[in-house]
Amino acid sequence: MTRTATPTVPRVPGLLWAALLLLLLVTSCRHAAGAPVANELRCQCLQTLQGIHPKHIQSVKVTAPGASCDQTEVVATLKNGQDVCLNPEAPFVKKMIEKMLNKGSTN
């Protein structure tokens, strides 16, 4: 009777598994709090906030629907440097966009 060798599956060290899980966790958490996804050909805002106090906002960028995303997106850069996505349908955000448009037309 001949015995054939069975292939062995290499074991992944525990530290490597921990590093991979940590990387997955960090990647998923980055998008969880309304943060935009940078430089991708799809919608940047996966989740949105209903509003944020205006004193925390440094600038706002409104992106109209287009080829990469079929939604209007509102990305606010906060004074601490963080970018957050705002819900363009929220009353606060609508008022803010209206003020921005009125301010731009008076110049």
N, C-alpha and C. Protein backbone atom coordinates (compact mmCIF):
# COMPACT_ATOMS: atom_id res chain seq x y z
N MET A 1 0.81 -1.16 0.00
CA MET A 1 0.00 0.00 0.00
C MET A 1 0.87 1.24 0.00
N THR A 2 0.61 2.15 -0.96
CA THR A 2 1.40 3.38 -1.02
C THR A 2 0.63 4.50 -0.34
N ARG A 3 1.39 5.29 0.29
CA ARG A 3 0.79 6.40 1.02
C ARG A 3 1.07 7.71 0.26
N THR A 4 0.02 8.47 0.00
CA THR A 4 0.22 9.73 -0.71
C THR A 4 0.22 10.86 0.31
N ALA A 5 1.03 11.82 0.02
CA ALA A 5 1.13 12.98 0.92
C ALA A 5 -0.06 13.90 0.70
N THR A 6 -0.66 14.30 1.77
CA THR A 6 -1.77 15.26 1.67
C THR A 6 -1.20 16.67 1.76
N PRO A 7 -1.70 17.55 0.93
CA PRO A 7 -1.17 18.91 0.98
C PRO A 7 -1.53 19.57 2.32
N THR A 8 -0.62 20.34 2.81
CA THR A 8 -0.87 21.03 4.07
C THR A 8 -1.16 22.50 3.77
N VAL A 9 -2.05 23.03 4.56
CA VAL A 9 -2.41 24.44 4.42
C VAL A 9 -1.56 25.21 5.42
N PRO A 10 -0.83 26.21 4.94
CA PRO A 10 0.02 26.95 5.87
C PRO A 10 -0.84 27.70 6.89
N ARG A 11 -0.39 27.75 8.10
CA ARG A 11 -1.10 28.46 9.16
C ARG A 11 -0.68 29.92 9.14
N VAL A 12 -1.66 30.77 9.32
CA VAL A 12 -1.39 32.21 9.37
C VAL A 12 -1.15 32.55 10.84
N PRO A 13 -0.04 33.20 11.13
CA PRO A 13 0.26 33.55 12.52
C PRO A 13 -0.82 34.46 13.09
N GLY A 14 -1.05 34.35 14.38
CA GLY A 14 -2.07 35.13 15.06
C GLY A 14 -1.87 36.63 14.92
N LEU A 15 -0.63 37.07 14.91
CA LEU A 15 -0.34 38.50 14.78
C LEU A 15 -0.78 39.03 13.42
N LEU A 16 -0.60 38.23 12.39
CA LEU A 16 -1.03 38.63 11.05
C LEU A 16 -2.54 38.74 11.00
N TRP A 17 -3.24 37.78 11.59
CA TRP A 17 -4.71 37.83 11.64
C TRP A 17 -5.16 39.10 12.38
N ALA A 18 -4.51 39.39 13.48
CA ALA A 18 -4.88 40.58 14.26
C ALA A 18 -4.66 41.85 13.44
N ALA A 19 -3.56 41.90 12.71
CA ALA A 19 -3.27 43.07 11.88
C ALA A 19 -4.31 43.22 10.77
N LEU A 20 -4.68 42.12 10.14
CA LEU A 20 -5.69 42.17 9.08
C LEU A 20 -7.05 42.60 9.62
N LEU A 21 -7.43 42.09 10.78
CA LEU A 21 -8.70 42.50 11.38
C LEU A 21 -8.69 43.96 11.77
N LEU A 22 -7.56 44.44 12.30
CA LEU A 22 -7.44 45.85 12.67
C LEU A 22 -7.55 46.73 11.43
N LEU A 23 -6.92 46.34 10.34
CA LEU A 23 -7.00 47.10 9.09
C LEU A 23 -8.44 47.15 8.58
N LEU A 24 -9.13 46.04 8.64
CA LEU A 24 -10.53 46.00 8.22
C LEU A 24 -11.39 46.90 9.10
N LEU A 25 -11.16 46.87 10.39
CA LEU A 25 -11.92 47.69 11.32
C LEU A 25 -11.67 49.18 11.08
N VAL A 26 -10.42 49.56 10.90
CA VAL A 26 -10.09 50.97 10.66
C VAL A 26 -10.71 51.44 9.35
N THR A 27 -10.66 50.62 8.32
CA THR A 27 -11.23 50.99 7.03
C THR A 27 -12.73 51.16 7.12
N SER A 28 -13.41 50.27 7.81
CA SER A 28 -14.86 50.37 7.91
C SER A 28 -15.28 51.52 8.82
N CYS A 29 -14.54 51.82 9.86
CA CYS A 29 -14.89 52.92 10.78
C CYS A 29 -14.69 54.27 10.11
N ARG A 30 -13.78 54.38 9.21
CA ARG A 30 -13.51 55.65 8.56
C ARG A 30 -14.74 56.16 7.82
N HIS A 31 -15.54 55.26 7.28
CA HIS A 31 -16.70 55.64 6.49
C HIS A 31 -17.97 55.66 7.33
N ALA A 32 -17.88 55.32 8.59
CA ALA A 32 -19.09 55.15 9.38
C ALA A 32 -19.72 56.45 9.85
N ALA A 33 -18.97 57.49 10.06
CA ALA A 33 -19.52 58.70 10.68
C ALA A 33 -19.82 59.80 9.67
N GLY A 34 -20.19 59.43 8.47
CA GLY A 34 -20.53 60.44 7.48
C GLY A 34 -19.33 61.02 6.77
N ALA A 35 -18.19 60.40 6.88
CA ALA A 35 -17.00 60.90 6.22
C ALA A 35 -17.03 60.56 4.74
N PRO A 36 -16.63 61.49 3.88
CA PRO A 36 -16.64 61.20 2.45
C PRO A 36 -15.56 60.22 2.06
N VAL A 37 -15.81 59.51 0.99
CA VAL A 37 -14.86 58.57 0.42
C VAL A 37 -14.10 59.32 -0.67
N ALA A 38 -12.80 59.49 -0.51
CA ALA A 38 -12.03 60.34 -1.40
C ALA A 38 -11.68 59.67 -2.72
N ASN A 39 -11.76 60.42 -3.80
CA ASN A 39 -11.26 60.06 -5.12
C ASN A 39 -11.76 58.73 -5.65
N GLU A 40 -13.03 58.46 -5.49
CA GLU A 40 -13.60 57.24 -6.06
C GLU A 40 -14.69 57.62 -7.03
N LEU A 41 -14.86 56.79 -8.06
CA LEU A 41 -15.88 57.08 -9.07
C LEU A 41 -17.22 56.53 -8.63
N ARG A 42 -17.72 57.08 -7.55
CA ARG A 42 -19.04 56.78 -7.03
C ARG A 42 -19.38 57.88 -6.03
N CYS A 43 -20.52 57.78 -5.42
CA CYS A 43 -20.90 58.80 -4.45
C CYS A 43 -19.88 58.84 -3.31
N GLN A 44 -19.50 60.05 -2.92
CA GLN A 44 -18.55 60.21 -1.82
C GLN A 44 -19.20 59.99 -0.47
N CYS A 45 -20.45 60.38 -0.35
CA CYS A 45 -21.13 60.35 0.94
C CYS A 45 -21.96 59.08 1.09
N LEU A 46 -21.44 58.15 1.87
CA LEU A 46 -22.16 56.92 2.12
C LEU A 46 -23.18 57.11 3.23
N GLN A 47 -22.86 57.96 4.19
CA GLN A 47 -23.77 58.32 5.27
C GLN A 47 -23.71 59.82 5.45
N THR A 48 -24.83 60.40 5.89
CA THR A 48 -24.87 61.84 6.05
C THR A 48 -25.36 62.22 7.44
N LEU A 49 -25.00 63.42 7.84
CA LEU A 49 -25.47 64.00 9.09
C LEU A 49 -26.60 64.96 8.76
N GLN A 50 -27.53 65.13 9.68
CA GLN A 50 -28.65 66.05 9.46
C GLN A 50 -28.21 67.50 9.58
N GLY A 51 -27.16 67.75 10.29
CA GLY A 51 -26.67 69.11 10.44
C GLY A 51 -25.54 69.16 11.44
N ILE A 52 -24.92 70.31 11.51
CA ILE A 52 -23.82 70.54 12.43
C ILE A 52 -23.82 72.03 12.74
N HIS A 53 -23.37 72.41 13.90
CA HIS A 53 -23.41 73.82 14.27
C HIS A 53 -22.53 74.63 13.31
N PRO A 54 -23.06 75.73 12.79
CA PRO A 54 -22.33 76.53 11.80
C PRO A 54 -20.97 77.04 12.28
N LYS A 55 -20.81 77.23 13.59
CA LYS A 55 -19.53 77.76 14.08
C LYS A 55 -18.39 76.75 13.89
N HIS A 56 -18.71 75.49 13.64
CA HIS A 56 -17.69 74.46 13.44
C HIS A 56 -17.29 74.32 11.97
N ILE A 57 -18.04 74.95 11.07
CA ILE A 57 -17.83 74.76 9.63
C ILE A 57 -16.86 75.80 9.08
N GLN A 58 -15.86 75.32 8.38
CA GLN A 58 -14.89 76.20 7.71
C GLN A 58 -15.33 76.48 6.28
N SER A 59 -15.73 75.43 5.57
CA SER A 59 -16.18 75.59 4.18
C SER A 59 -17.15 74.48 3.83
N VAL A 60 -17.88 74.71 2.75
CA VAL A 60 -18.87 73.73 2.28
C VAL A 60 -18.71 73.56 0.78
N LYS A 61 -18.78 72.33 0.33
CA LYS A 61 -18.71 72.04 -1.10
C LYS A 61 -19.97 71.27 -1.48
N VAL A 62 -20.69 71.78 -2.46
CA VAL A 62 -21.89 71.12 -2.95
C VAL A 62 -21.58 70.54 -4.33
N THR A 63 -21.82 69.25 -4.49
CA THR A 63 -21.58 68.58 -5.77
C THR A 63 -22.92 68.14 -6.33
N ALA A 64 -23.22 68.63 -7.54
CA ALA A 64 -24.47 68.27 -8.21
C ALA A 64 -24.40 66.83 -8.72
N PRO A 65 -25.55 66.20 -8.94
CA PRO A 65 -25.53 64.85 -9.51
C PRO A 65 -24.79 64.83 -10.85
N GLY A 66 -24.10 63.75 -11.10
CA GLY A 66 -23.33 63.65 -12.34
C GLY A 66 -23.09 62.21 -12.71
N ALA A 67 -22.08 61.99 -13.53
CA ALA A 67 -21.78 60.65 -14.05
C ALA A 67 -21.33 59.69 -12.95
N SER A 68 -20.61 60.19 -11.94
CA SER A 68 -20.10 59.30 -10.91
C SER A 68 -21.08 59.08 -9.76
N CYS A 69 -22.06 59.98 -9.61
CA CYS A 69 -23.03 59.86 -8.52
C CYS A 69 -24.32 60.55 -8.92
N ASP A 70 -25.44 59.90 -8.68
CA ASP A 70 -26.73 60.46 -9.09
C ASP A 70 -27.41 61.26 -7.98
N GLN A 71 -26.66 61.63 -6.94
CA GLN A 71 -27.20 62.38 -5.82
C GLN A 71 -26.47 63.70 -5.65
N THR A 72 -27.17 64.69 -5.10
CA THR A 72 -26.51 65.92 -4.68
C THR A 72 -25.77 65.61 -3.39
N GLU A 73 -24.51 66.03 -3.31
CA GLU A 73 -23.71 65.76 -2.12
C GLU A 73 -23.23 67.08 -1.52
N VAL A 74 -23.30 67.17 -0.20
CA VAL A 74 -22.86 68.36 0.52
C VAL A 74 -21.78 67.90 1.50
N VAL A 75 -20.54 68.37 1.27
CA VAL A 75 -19.42 68.00 2.13
C VAL A 75 -18.95 69.26 2.84
N ALA A 76 -19.01 69.24 4.17
CA ALA A 76 -18.56 70.36 4.98
C ALA A 76 -17.18 70.03 5.54
N THR A 77 -16.25 70.98 5.38
CA THR A 77 -14.95 70.86 6.02
C THR A 77 -15.03 71.64 7.32
N LEU A 78 -14.75 70.96 8.40
CA LEU A 78 -14.83 71.57 9.71
C LEU A 78 -13.54 72.31 10.04
N LYS A 79 -13.59 73.17 11.03
CA LYS A 79 -12.41 73.95 11.41
C LYS A 79 -11.30 73.07 11.95
N ASN A 80 -11.62 71.85 12.40
CA ASN A 80 -10.59 70.92 12.86
C ASN A 80 -10.00 70.10 11.71
N GLY A 81 -10.43 70.39 10.47
CA GLY A 81 -9.89 69.71 9.29
C GLY A 81 -10.67 68.49 8.85
N GLN A 82 -11.61 68.03 9.63
CA GLN A 82 -12.39 66.84 9.29
C GLN A 82 -13.45 67.19 8.25
N ASP A 83 -13.68 66.29 7.31
CA ASP A 83 -14.74 66.43 6.32
C ASP A 83 -15.92 65.57 6.76
N VAL A 84 -17.12 66.15 6.68
CA VAL A 84 -18.33 65.39 6.99
C VAL A 84 -19.36 65.62 5.89
N CYS A 85 -20.17 64.63 5.65
CA CYS A 85 -21.23 64.73 4.66
C CYS A 85 -22.51 65.14 5.35
N LEU A 86 -23.20 66.10 4.74
CA LEU A 86 -24.47 66.57 5.28
C LEU A 86 -25.60 66.14 4.36
N ASN A 87 -26.75 65.89 4.94
CA ASN A 87 -27.93 65.49 4.17
C ASN A 87 -28.46 66.71 3.42
N PRO A 88 -28.43 66.71 2.08
CA PRO A 88 -28.89 67.88 1.33
C PRO A 88 -30.39 68.13 1.47
N GLU A 89 -31.16 67.17 1.99
CA GLU A 89 -32.59 67.34 2.18
C GLU A 89 -32.95 67.86 3.58
N ALA A 90 -31.97 67.92 4.48
CA ALA A 90 -32.24 68.41 5.83
C ALA A 90 -32.53 69.91 5.78
N PRO A 91 -33.51 70.38 6.56
CA PRO A 91 -33.86 71.81 6.54
C PRO A 91 -32.68 72.74 6.81
N PHE A 92 -31.83 72.39 7.78
CA PHE A 92 -30.67 73.21 8.09
C PHE A 92 -29.74 73.33 6.89
N VAL A 93 -29.51 72.23 6.22
CA VAL A 93 -28.59 72.21 5.08
C VAL A 93 -29.19 73.01 3.91
N LYS A 94 -30.48 72.87 3.69
CA LYS A 94 -31.14 73.64 2.63
C LYS A 94 -31.00 75.14 2.88
N LYS A 95 -31.21 75.56 4.13
CA LYS A 95 -31.07 76.98 4.46
C LYS A 95 -29.64 77.46 4.24
N MET A 96 -28.68 76.63 4.63
CA MET A 96 -27.27 77.00 4.48
C MET A 96 -26.92 77.15 2.99
N ILE A 97 -27.38 76.24 2.16
CA ILE A 97 -27.10 76.32 0.72
C ILE A 97 -27.77 77.55 0.13
N GLU A 98 -29.00 77.82 0.56
CA GLU A 98 -29.71 79.01 0.06
C GLU A 98 -28.94 80.29 0.42
N LYS A 99 -28.44 80.37 1.65
CA LYS A 99 -27.65 81.54 2.06
C LYS A 99 -26.39 81.67 1.23
N MET A 100 -25.74 80.53 0.95
CA MET A 100 -24.52 80.54 0.15
C MET A 100 -24.84 81.07 -1.26
N LEU A 101 -25.94 80.62 -1.84
CA LEU A 101 -26.31 81.04 -3.19
C LEU A 101 -26.67 82.53 -3.22
N ASN A 102 -27.40 83.00 -2.20
CA ASN A 102 -27.76 84.41 -2.13
C ASN A 102 -26.53 85.29 -1.93
N LYS A 103 -25.61 84.84 -1.11
CA LYS A 103 -24.38 85.60 -0.87
C LYS A 103 -23.55 85.69 -2.16
N GLY A 104 -23.51 84.62 -2.94
CA GLY A 104 -22.76 84.62 -4.19
C GLY A 104 -23.39 85.49 -5.26
N SER A 105 -24.71 85.64 -5.25
CA SER A 105 -25.37 86.44 -6.28
C SER A 105 -25.33 87.92 -5.97
N THR A 106 -25.02 88.31 -4.73
CA THR A 106 -24.96 89.74 -4.38
C THR A 106 -23.61 90.33 -4.68
N ASN A 107 -22.62 89.52 -4.97
CA ASN A 107 -21.25 90.05 -5.25
C ASN A 107 -21.10 90.46 -6.69
